[in-house]
Amino acid sequence: MTPPSVAVIGCGPAGMFFLHALALRRAKLEEEGNVEALVALPTVTCFERAPGPGGVWRSDRFKCDNSDGAKSTNMYEALFTNGPK
């Protein structure tokens, strides 16, 4: 059986949540030794245009000189969070 293929577009909060949930599920199935369920899990490729994950919650500011004119993936310019780094 070939596992399904999934593309995640953007590694913002929703993309990271999906990847994290899938990793937890995979770890649980490996611990249980459930090979049949492991084979059924999708193969995932994540596409992100920024240099790192985070999407609208990225704490760094980057400026791209891409031909598409992308300047930032932040929700708004003054977004700062007080979460752990």
C-alpha atoms as a PDB file:
ATOM      1  CA  MET A   1       0.000   0.000   0.000  1.00  0.00           C
ATOM      2  CA  THR A   2       1.363   3.398  -1.002  1.00  0.00           C
ATOM      3  CA  PRO A   3       0.759   6.145   1.562  1.00  0.00           C
ATOM      4  CA  PRO A   4      -1.167   9.207   0.382  1.00  0.00           C
ATOM      5  CA  SER A   5       0.788  12.371  -0.447  1.00  0.00           C
ATOM      6  CA  VAL A   6      -0.185  15.702   1.123  1.00  0.00           C
ATOM      7  CA  ALA A   7       1.120  19.198   0.378  1.00  0.00           C
ATOM      8  CA  VAL A   8       0.964  21.804   3.150  1.00  0.00           C
ATOM      9  CA  ILE A   9       1.061  25.305   1.692  1.00  0.00           C
ATOM     10  CA  GLY A  10       2.613  27.603   4.267  1.00  0.00           C
ATOM     11  CA  CYS A  11       4.182  26.739   7.597  1.00  0.00           C
ATOM     12  CA  GLY A  12       2.219  29.228   9.649  1.00  0.00           C
ATOM     13  CA  PRO A  13       0.174  28.322  12.730  1.00  0.00           C
ATOM     14  CA  ALA A  14      -2.175  25.923  10.889  1.00  0.00           C
ATOM     15  CA  GLY A  15       0.610  24.234   8.918  1.00  0.00           C
ATOM     16  CA  MET A  16       2.722  23.799  12.042  1.00  0.00           C
ATOM     17  CA  PHE A  17      -0.257  22.408  13.957  1.00  0.00           C
ATOM     18  CA  PHE A  18      -0.924  19.814  11.245  1.00  0.00           C
ATOM     19  CA  LEU A  19       2.735  18.764  11.058  1.00  0.00           C
ATOM     20  CA  HIS A  20       2.983  18.548  14.851  1.00  0.00           C
ATOM     21  CA  ALA A  21      -0.227  16.508  15.156  1.00  0.00           C
ATOM     22  CA  LEU A  22       0.986  14.134  12.454  1.00  0.00           C
ATOM     23  CA  ALA A  23       4.374  13.735  14.172  1.00  0.00           C
ATOM     24  CA  LEU A  24       2.660  12.940  17.499  1.00  0.00           C
ATOM     25  CA  ARG A  25       0.407  10.396  15.808  1.00  0.00           C
ATOM     26  CA  ARG A  26       3.381   8.791  14.053  1.00  0.00           C
ATOM     27  CA  ALA A  27       5.325   8.554  17.347  1.00  0.00           C
ATOM     28  CA  LYS A  28       2.350   6.961  19.112  1.00  0.00           C
ATOM     29  CA  LEU A  29       1.866   4.391  16.348  1.00  0.00           C
ATOM     30  CA  GLU A  30       5.594   3.570  16.346  1.00  0.00           C
ATOM     31  CA  GLU A  31       5.503   3.082  20.124  1.00  0.00           C
ATOM     32  CA  GLU A  32       2.508   0.756  19.761  1.00  0.00           C
ATOM     33  CA  GLY A  33       4.159  -1.091  16.864  1.00  0.00           C
ATOM     34  CA  ASN A  34       1.106  -0.546  14.648  1.00  0.00           C
ATOM     35  CA  VAL A  35       2.743  -0.971  11.238  1.00  0.00           C
ATOM     36  CA  GLU A  36      -0.556  -1.089   9.339  1.00  0.00           C
ATOM     37  CA  ALA A  37      -1.626   2.343  10.638  1.00  0.00           C
ATOM     38  CA  LEU A  38       1.874   3.783  10.096  1.00  0.00           C
ATOM     39  CA  VAL A  39       1.758   2.852   6.409  1.00  0.00           C
ATOM     40  CA  ALA A  40      -1.597   4.648   6.080  1.00  0.00           C
ATOM     41  CA  LEU A  41      -0.190   7.970   7.354  1.00  0.00           C
ATOM     42  CA  PRO A  42       0.443  10.501   4.576  1.00  0.00           C
ATOM     43  CA  THR A  43       3.796  11.567   3.211  1.00  0.00           C
ATOM     44  CA  VAL A  44       3.860  15.343   3.730  1.00  0.00           C
ATOM     45  CA  THR A  45       5.745  18.085   1.896  1.00  0.00           C
ATOM     46  CA  CYS A  46       5.541  21.597   3.357  1.00  0.00           C
ATOM     47  CA  PHE A  47       6.056  24.629   1.106  1.00  0.00           C
ATOM     48  CA  GLU A  48       6.991  27.968   2.728  1.00  0.00           C
ATOM     49  CA  ARG A  49       8.214  31.090   0.965  1.00  0.00           C
ATOM     50  CA  ALA A  50       9.753  32.637   4.101  1.00  0.00           C
ATOM     51  CA  PRO A  51      13.205  31.536   5.293  1.00  0.00           C
ATOM     52  CA  GLY A  52      11.619  29.757   8.284  1.00  0.00           C
ATOM     53  CA  PRO A  53       8.323  28.625   9.791  1.00  0.00           C
ATOM     54  CA  GLY A  54       5.891  30.817  11.721  1.00  0.00           C
ATOM     55  CA  GLY A  55       3.772  32.632   9.162  1.00  0.00           C
ATOM     56  CA  VAL A  56       1.983  35.614  10.654  1.00  0.00           C
ATOM     57  CA  TRP A  57       3.577  34.952  14.064  1.00  0.00           C
ATOM     58  CA  ARG A  58       7.198  35.260  12.967  1.00  0.00           C
ATOM     59  CA  SER A  59       9.086  37.478  15.386  1.00  0.00           C
ATOM     60  CA  ASP A  60      11.881  38.511  13.042  1.00  0.00           C
ATOM     61  CA  ARG A  61      11.544  40.970  10.233  1.00  0.00           C
ATOM     62  CA  PHE A  62      12.891  40.028   6.843  1.00  0.00           C
ATOM     63  CA  LYS A  63      12.902  41.911   3.614  1.00  0.00           C
ATOM     64  CA  CYS A  64      12.972  39.928   0.398  1.00  0.00           C
ATOM     65  CA  ASP A  65      14.046  41.265  -2.930  1.00  0.00           C
ATOM     66  CA  ASN A  66      11.986  38.644  -4.723  1.00  0.00           C
ATOM     67  CA  SER A  67      10.525  39.416  -8.088  1.00  0.00           C
ATOM     68  CA  ASP A  68       7.048  39.006  -6.576  1.00  0.00           C
ATOM     69  CA  GLY A  69       7.688  41.965  -4.243  1.00  0.00           C
ATOM     70  CA  ALA A  70       7.175  39.984  -1.019  1.00  0.00           C
ATOM     71  CA  LYS A  71       8.358  42.039   1.913  1.00  0.00           C
ATOM     72  CA  SER A  72       7.093  40.252   5.009  1.00  0.00           C
ATOM     73  CA  THR A  73       4.783  37.459   6.107  1.00  0.00           C
ATOM     74  CA  ASN A  74       3.899  39.179   9.376  1.00  0.00           C
ATOM     75  CA  MET A  75       0.284  39.935  10.184  1.00  0.00           C
ATOM     76  CA  TYR A  76       1.192  43.547  10.776  1.00  0.00           C
ATOM     77  CA  GLU A  77       4.452  45.443  11.102  1.00  0.00           C
ATOM     78  CA  ALA A  78       4.293  46.062  14.865  1.00  0.00           C
ATOM     79  CA  LEU A  79       3.463  42.455  15.831  1.00  0.00           C
ATOM     80  CA  PHE A  80       5.562  41.274  18.761  1.00  0.00           C
ATOM     81  CA  THR A  81       4.754  38.401  21.069  1.00  0.00           C
ATOM     82  CA  ASN A  82       5.863  37.807  24.628  1.00  0.00           C
ATOM     83  CA  GLY A  83       6.013  34.024  24.272  1.00  0.00           C
ATOM     84  CA  PRO A  84       9.106  31.978  25.060  1.00  0.00           C
ATOM     85  CA  LYS A  85      11.853  32.064  22.454  1.00  0.00           C
END
